[in-house]
Protein backbone atom coordinates (compact mmCIF):
# COMPACT_ATOMS: atom_id res chain seq x y z
CA MET A 1 -0.12 -0.08 -0.02
CA ASN A 2 1.41 3.32 -1.04
CA THR A 3 1.09 6.26 1.61
CA LYS A 4 1.06 8.94 -1.13
CA THR A 5 -2.15 7.62 -2.54
CA MET A 6 -3.98 7.16 0.69
CA ARG A 7 -6.42 9.82 1.75
CA LEU A 8 -6.29 11.56 5.09
CA PRO A 9 -9.41 11.54 7.32
CA PRO A 10 -11.48 14.91 7.24
CA ARG A 11 -10.14 17.36 9.90
CA HIS A 12 -12.50 18.57 12.43
CA HIS A 13 -12.83 22.16 12.84
CA ARG A 14 -12.85 23.60 16.45
CA ARG A 15 -15.81 25.63 17.30
CA ASN A 16 -15.36 29.17 18.30
CA LYS A 17 -16.53 29.73 22.04
CA SER A 18 -18.14 32.92 21.02
CA THR A 19 -20.51 31.04 18.85
CA THR A 20 -21.95 28.88 21.44
CA ALA A 21 -25.48 29.64 22.90
CA ALA A 22 -25.70 32.38 25.29
CA GLY A 23 -26.37 31.44 29.02
CA PRO A 24 -29.55 32.17 30.75
CA ASN A 25 -28.18 35.42 32.31
CA GLN A 26 -26.99 36.83 28.81
CA LEU A 27 -30.40 35.82 27.46
CA LEU A 28 -32.27 37.71 30.13
CA ALA A 29 -29.99 40.67 29.91
CA GLY A 30 -30.74 40.78 26.03
CA TYR A 31 -34.61 40.71 26.70
CA LEU A 32 -34.38 43.47 29.31
CA ALA A 33 -32.10 45.52 27.11
CA HIS A 34 -34.55 45.09 24.09
CA GLU A 35 -37.51 46.03 26.31
CA TYR A 36 -35.72 49.17 27.77
CA LEU A 37 -34.58 50.47 24.49
CA ASN A 38 -37.89 49.81 22.66
CA LYS A 39 -40.41 50.58 25.52
CA GLY A 40 -38.55 52.33 28.19
CA THR A 41 -39.54 49.84 30.71
CA LEU A 42 -38.13 47.21 32.85
CA PHE A 43 -40.21 44.07 33.71
CA GLY A 44 -43.25 46.09 32.34
CA GLU A 45 -42.78 49.00 34.72
CA GLN A 46 -41.42 52.53 34.01
CA TRP A 47 -37.77 52.69 35.30
CA SER A 48 -36.94 55.49 37.55
CA PRO A 49 -33.24 56.02 38.35
CA ALA A 50 -34.02 57.86 41.73
CA ARG A 51 -36.19 54.94 42.89
CA SER A 52 -33.46 52.45 42.17
CA GLU A 53 -30.84 54.33 44.21
CA ALA A 54 -32.84 54.95 47.37
CA ARG A 55 -33.78 51.52 48.18
CA LYS A 56 -31.21 49.65 50.43
CA ASN A 57 -32.41 46.21 51.91
CA LYS A 58 -30.68 44.32 54.63
CA ALA A 59 -29.62 40.76 53.47
CA SER A 60 -31.86 37.98 54.77
CA HIS A 61 -28.94 36.24 56.57
CA GLU A 62 -28.47 39.30 58.73
CA THR A 63 -31.73 39.13 60.49
CA GLU A 64 -31.50 37.38 63.78
CA PRO A 65 -34.27 34.97 65.14
CA SER A 66 -36.01 35.80 68.28
CA ASP A 67 -34.25 35.02 71.53
CA TYR A 68 -37.01 32.67 72.50
CA LYS A 69 -36.90 30.61 69.33
CA ARG A 70 -33.07 30.46 69.33
CA ARG A 71 -33.00 29.07 72.94
CA ARG A 72 -35.90 26.56 71.97
CA TYR A 73 -33.74 25.31 69.02
CA VAL A 74 -30.60 24.87 71.17
CA GLU A 75 -32.42 23.07 73.92
CA VAL A 76 -33.84 20.57 71.58
CA ALA A 77 -30.58 20.17 69.65
CA ASP A 78 -28.77 19.55 72.78
CA ILE A 79 -31.40 16.87 73.96
CA LEU A 80 -31.09 15.16 70.73
CA ARG A 81 -27.42 15.14 70.70
CA ALA A 82 -26.70 14.20 74.20
CA ASP A 83 -29.46 11.59 74.80
CA GLY A 84 -29.21 10.22 71.27
CA ALA A 85 -32.99 10.52 70.82
CA PHE A 86 -34.57 9.77 67.45
CA MET A 87 -37.06 11.93 65.75
CA PRO A 88 -38.33 10.22 62.34
CA GLY A 89 -37.54 12.36 59.23
CA ILE A 90 -35.28 14.62 61.16
CA VAL A 91 -31.74 14.32 59.73
CA ASN A 92 -30.23 17.84 59.73
CA PRO A 93 -30.67 21.22 61.69
CA SER A 94 -32.99 22.67 58.93
CA GLN A 95 -35.37 19.89 59.29
CA LEU A 96 -35.26 20.28 63.05
CA ALA A 97 -36.11 23.95 62.83
CA ARG A 98 -38.81 23.26 60.42
CA SER A 99 -40.40 20.58 62.75
CA LEU A 100 -40.26 23.23 65.74
CA LYS A 101 -41.97 25.85 63.34
CA LEU A 102 -39.14 28.32 63.74
């Protein structure tokens, strides 16, 4: 077999990363930009720059639970940990807090 007459397999062209599909955030940004440029609204409401700067919210993790609820949770968690008690369906602290309705 002569190597000069053999054909090489077709080469695969690498795709450019810029031609891949846009992520969900880029798609949402595109929709919002289109809406704002065409209608002057964001999410169907007039956008006011003064309103957007005046609003400052606290993060949800900064709010502290009431002292009573915190003490109640600590007491039940200590009982479960020390005595080895078993509560069906409770395997982590968030489930314990949910069952205590905290």
